[in-house]
Amino acid sequence: MPTVLYVNGYRFFFWMNEHEPIHIHVEKGKCHARIVLVPDIVVSYNHGFKRNEMRTIMDIIICNYEKIIQSWHNAFNK
């Protein structure tokens, strides 16, 4: 499971058996979320993150969007 980013304790990663739509997982402590990236950035599920943490996570994703998408394509040869 490749880690794409590690920012402020949040780990952004993919599972190696992933499928489309393009998405990223994020975890910190016991909290975990899945965010779909295309066609729009949408929270697929959130287990434990507070609203302000999700805002921070979304800001990190937006700031690193191209890197995350490129990492997906590199990992899955798409």
N, C-alpha and C. Protein backbone atom coordinates (compact mmCIF):
# COMPACT_ATOMS: atom_id res chain seq x y z
N MET A 1 0.84 -1.17 0.00
CA MET A 1 0.00 0.00 0.00
C MET A 1 0.89 1.23 0.00
N PRO A 2 1.08 1.82 -1.17
CA PRO A 2 1.98 2.97 -1.27
C PRO A 2 1.43 4.22 -0.60
N THR A 3 2.27 4.83 0.20
CA THR A 3 1.93 6.11 0.81
C THR A 3 2.30 7.21 -0.17
N VAL A 4 1.36 8.06 -0.48
CA VAL A 4 1.57 9.15 -1.43
C VAL A 4 2.03 10.40 -0.70
N LEU A 5 1.41 10.69 0.42
CA LEU A 5 1.73 11.88 1.22
C LEU A 5 1.66 11.53 2.70
N TYR A 6 2.45 12.25 3.46
CA TYR A 6 2.36 12.18 4.91
C TYR A 6 2.45 13.62 5.39
N VAL A 7 1.33 14.19 5.81
CA VAL A 7 1.27 15.61 6.16
C VAL A 7 0.58 15.76 7.51
N ASN A 8 1.28 16.39 8.47
CA ASN A 8 0.70 16.68 9.79
C ASN A 8 0.07 15.45 10.44
N GLY A 9 0.69 14.30 10.26
CA GLY A 9 0.18 13.07 10.86
C GLY A 9 -0.86 12.35 10.03
N TYR A 10 -1.33 12.95 8.95
CA TYR A 10 -2.29 12.31 8.05
C TYR A 10 -1.51 11.52 7.00
N ARG A 11 -1.86 10.26 6.83
CA ARG A 11 -1.21 9.43 5.81
C ARG A 11 -2.20 9.22 4.67
N PHE A 12 -1.79 9.61 3.49
CA PHE A 12 -2.60 9.46 2.28
C PHE A 12 -2.01 8.31 1.47
N PHE A 13 -2.85 7.33 1.13
CA PHE A 13 -2.32 6.12 0.50
C PHE A 13 -3.36 5.44 -0.38
N PHE A 14 -2.86 4.48 -1.18
CA PHE A 14 -3.69 3.60 -1.99
C PHE A 14 -3.48 2.18 -1.51
N TRP A 15 -4.48 1.35 -1.70
CA TRP A 15 -4.31 -0.09 -1.57
C TRP A 15 -3.88 -0.60 -2.95
N MET A 16 -3.07 -1.62 -3.02
CA MET A 16 -2.57 -2.09 -4.31
C MET A 16 -3.62 -2.82 -5.13
N ASN A 17 -4.74 -3.17 -4.56
CA ASN A 17 -5.79 -3.83 -5.33
C ASN A 17 -6.93 -2.85 -5.63
N GLU A 18 -6.59 -1.58 -5.78
CA GLU A 18 -7.60 -0.53 -5.99
C GLU A 18 -8.28 -0.65 -7.34
N HIS A 19 -9.37 0.05 -7.47
CA HIS A 19 -10.15 0.10 -8.69
C HIS A 19 -10.67 1.52 -8.85
N GLU A 20 -11.13 1.82 -10.03
CA GLU A 20 -11.70 3.14 -10.25
C GLU A 20 -13.06 3.24 -9.59
N PRO A 21 -13.55 4.40 -9.24
CA PRO A 21 -12.99 5.70 -9.60
C PRO A 21 -11.71 5.99 -8.81
N ILE A 22 -10.91 6.87 -9.36
CA ILE A 22 -9.67 7.25 -8.69
C ILE A 22 -10.02 7.84 -7.33
N HIS A 23 -9.36 7.32 -6.30
CA HIS A 23 -9.63 7.78 -4.94
C HIS A 23 -8.38 7.61 -4.09
N ILE A 24 -8.40 8.18 -2.91
CA ILE A 24 -7.29 8.10 -1.97
C ILE A 24 -7.86 7.79 -0.59
N HIS A 25 -7.10 7.04 0.19
CA HIS A 25 -7.45 6.77 1.58
C HIS A 25 -6.59 7.67 2.45
N VAL A 26 -7.14 8.07 3.59
CA VAL A 26 -6.37 8.85 4.55
C VAL A 26 -6.64 8.29 5.94
N GLU A 27 -5.57 8.22 6.72
CA GLU A 27 -5.74 7.75 8.09
C GLU A 27 -4.85 8.55 9.03
N LYS A 28 -5.31 8.63 10.25
CA LYS A 28 -4.55 9.24 11.33
C LYS A 28 -5.08 8.62 12.60
N GLY A 29 -4.23 7.95 13.34
CA GLY A 29 -4.68 7.23 14.52
C GLY A 29 -5.69 6.17 14.13
N LYS A 30 -6.84 6.17 14.79
CA LYS A 30 -7.88 5.18 14.49
C LYS A 30 -8.90 5.69 13.47
N CYS A 31 -8.70 6.90 12.97
CA CYS A 31 -9.63 7.48 12.00
C CYS A 31 -9.21 7.13 10.58
N HIS A 32 -10.20 6.98 9.71
CA HIS A 32 -9.95 6.59 8.33
C HIS A 32 -11.03 7.18 7.44
N ALA A 33 -10.63 7.62 6.26
CA ALA A 33 -11.60 8.14 5.28
C ALA A 33 -11.16 7.75 3.88
N ARG A 34 -12.11 7.75 2.97
CA ARG A 34 -11.86 7.48 1.55
C ARG A 34 -12.46 8.65 0.78
N ILE A 35 -11.63 9.24 -0.10
CA ILE A 35 -12.07 10.39 -0.87
C ILE A 35 -11.93 10.08 -2.35
N VAL A 36 -13.04 10.15 -3.07
CA VAL A 36 -13.03 9.99 -4.53
C VAL A 36 -12.51 11.29 -5.13
N LEU A 37 -11.66 11.17 -6.16
CA LEU A 37 -11.00 12.34 -6.73
C LEU A 37 -11.54 12.78 -8.08
N VAL A 38 -12.12 11.87 -8.84
CA VAL A 38 -12.67 12.22 -10.15
C VAL A 38 -14.02 11.56 -10.35
N PRO A 39 -14.97 12.17 -10.97
CA PRO A 39 -14.85 13.46 -11.64
C PRO A 39 -14.84 14.65 -10.68
N ASP A 40 -15.33 14.47 -9.46
CA ASP A 40 -15.30 15.52 -8.45
C ASP A 40 -14.70 14.97 -7.17
N ILE A 41 -14.17 15.85 -6.34
CA ILE A 41 -13.63 15.44 -5.05
C ILE A 41 -14.80 15.30 -4.08
N VAL A 42 -15.03 14.05 -3.64
CA VAL A 42 -16.18 13.74 -2.79
C VAL A 42 -15.76 12.75 -1.72
N VAL A 43 -16.19 12.98 -0.49
CA VAL A 43 -15.91 12.03 0.59
C VAL A 43 -16.80 10.81 0.38
N SER A 44 -16.16 9.66 0.21
CA SER A 44 -16.88 8.40 0.03
C SER A 44 -17.34 7.87 1.39
N TYR A 45 -16.42 7.88 2.35
CA TYR A 45 -16.79 7.57 3.73
C TYR A 45 -15.80 8.20 4.69
N ASN A 46 -16.24 8.40 5.90
CA ASN A 46 -15.43 8.99 6.96
C ASN A 46 -15.74 8.25 8.25
N HIS A 47 -14.72 7.66 8.82
CA HIS A 47 -14.87 6.96 10.09
C HIS A 47 -13.99 7.65 11.13
N GLY A 48 -14.57 8.60 11.84
CA GLY A 48 -13.91 9.16 13.01
C GLY A 48 -13.32 10.55 12.89
N PHE A 49 -13.09 11.06 11.68
CA PHE A 49 -12.54 12.40 11.57
C PHE A 49 -13.63 13.43 11.88
N LYS A 50 -13.23 14.48 12.60
CA LYS A 50 -14.15 15.58 12.89
C LYS A 50 -14.25 16.50 11.66
N ARG A 51 -15.25 17.34 11.66
CA ARG A 51 -15.50 18.23 10.51
C ARG A 51 -14.28 19.08 10.18
N ASN A 52 -13.63 19.66 11.20
CA ASN A 52 -12.47 20.51 10.94
C ASN A 52 -11.29 19.69 10.40
N GLU A 53 -11.17 18.44 10.83
CA GLU A 53 -10.12 17.58 10.29
C GLU A 53 -10.40 17.26 8.82
N MET A 54 -11.66 17.04 8.47
CA MET A 54 -12.01 16.76 7.08
C MET A 54 -11.74 17.98 6.20
N ARG A 55 -11.96 19.18 6.74
CA ARG A 55 -11.62 20.39 5.97
C ARG A 55 -10.12 20.44 5.71
N THR A 56 -9.33 20.12 6.74
CA THR A 56 -7.87 20.09 6.58
C THR A 56 -7.47 19.05 5.55
N ILE A 57 -8.05 17.86 5.64
CA ILE A 57 -7.76 16.78 4.69
C ILE A 57 -8.10 17.22 3.26
N MET A 58 -9.25 17.83 3.08
CA MET A 58 -9.65 18.27 1.74
C MET A 58 -8.70 19.36 1.22
N ASP A 59 -8.26 20.26 2.08
CA ASP A 59 -7.29 21.28 1.68
C ASP A 59 -5.98 20.64 1.23
N ILE A 60 -5.52 19.64 1.97
CA ILE A 60 -4.28 18.94 1.61
C ILE A 60 -4.45 18.25 0.26
N ILE A 61 -5.59 17.61 0.05
CA ILE A 61 -5.85 16.94 -1.23
C ILE A 61 -5.87 17.95 -2.37
N ILE A 62 -6.55 19.06 -2.20
CA ILE A 62 -6.63 20.07 -3.25
C ILE A 62 -5.24 20.60 -3.58
N CYS A 63 -4.43 20.88 -2.57
CA CYS A 63 -3.08 21.40 -2.80
C CYS A 63 -2.15 20.39 -3.46
N ASN A 64 -2.45 19.11 -3.30
CA ASN A 64 -1.58 18.05 -3.84
C ASN A 64 -2.29 17.20 -4.89
N TYR A 65 -3.35 17.74 -5.46
CA TYR A 65 -4.21 16.98 -6.36
C TYR A 65 -3.43 16.34 -7.52
N GLU A 66 -2.63 17.12 -8.22
CA GLU A 66 -1.90 16.60 -9.38
C GLU A 66 -0.93 15.49 -8.97
N LYS A 67 -0.26 15.67 -7.86
CA LYS A 67 0.68 14.64 -7.37
C LYS A 67 -0.07 13.35 -7.05
N ILE A 68 -1.22 13.45 -6.42
CA ILE A 68 -2.00 12.27 -6.06
C ILE A 68 -2.48 11.55 -7.32
N ILE A 69 -3.02 12.30 -8.28
CA ILE A 69 -3.50 11.70 -9.53
C ILE A 69 -2.35 11.02 -10.27
N GLN A 70 -1.22 11.69 -10.36
CA GLN A 70 -0.06 11.10 -11.04
C GLN A 70 0.42 9.85 -10.32
N SER A 71 0.40 9.85 -9.00
CA SER A 71 0.79 8.67 -8.23
C SER A 71 -0.15 7.50 -8.50
N TRP A 72 -1.44 7.79 -8.63
CA TRP A 72 -2.42 6.74 -8.97
C TRP A 72 -2.06 6.12 -10.32
N HIS A 73 -1.85 6.99 -11.32
CA HIS A 73 -1.54 6.49 -12.66
C HIS A 73 -0.23 5.70 -12.66
N ASN A 74 0.76 6.16 -11.93
CA ASN A 74 2.03 5.43 -11.84
C ASN A 74 1.85 4.08 -11.17
N ALA A 75 1.07 4.03 -10.11
CA ALA A 75 0.88 2.78 -9.36
C ALA A 75 0.09 1.75 -10.14
N PHE A 76 -0.88 2.22 -10.92
CA PHE A 76 -1.77 1.29 -11.60
C PHE A 76 -1.61 1.31 -13.12
N ASN A 77 -0.53 1.95 -13.59
CA ASN A 77 -0.19 1.97 -15.03
C ASN A 77 -1.37 2.39 -15.89
N LYS A 78 -2.02 3.45 -15.51
CA LYS A 78 -3.19 3.91 -16.28
C LYS A 78 -2.86 5.20 -16.98
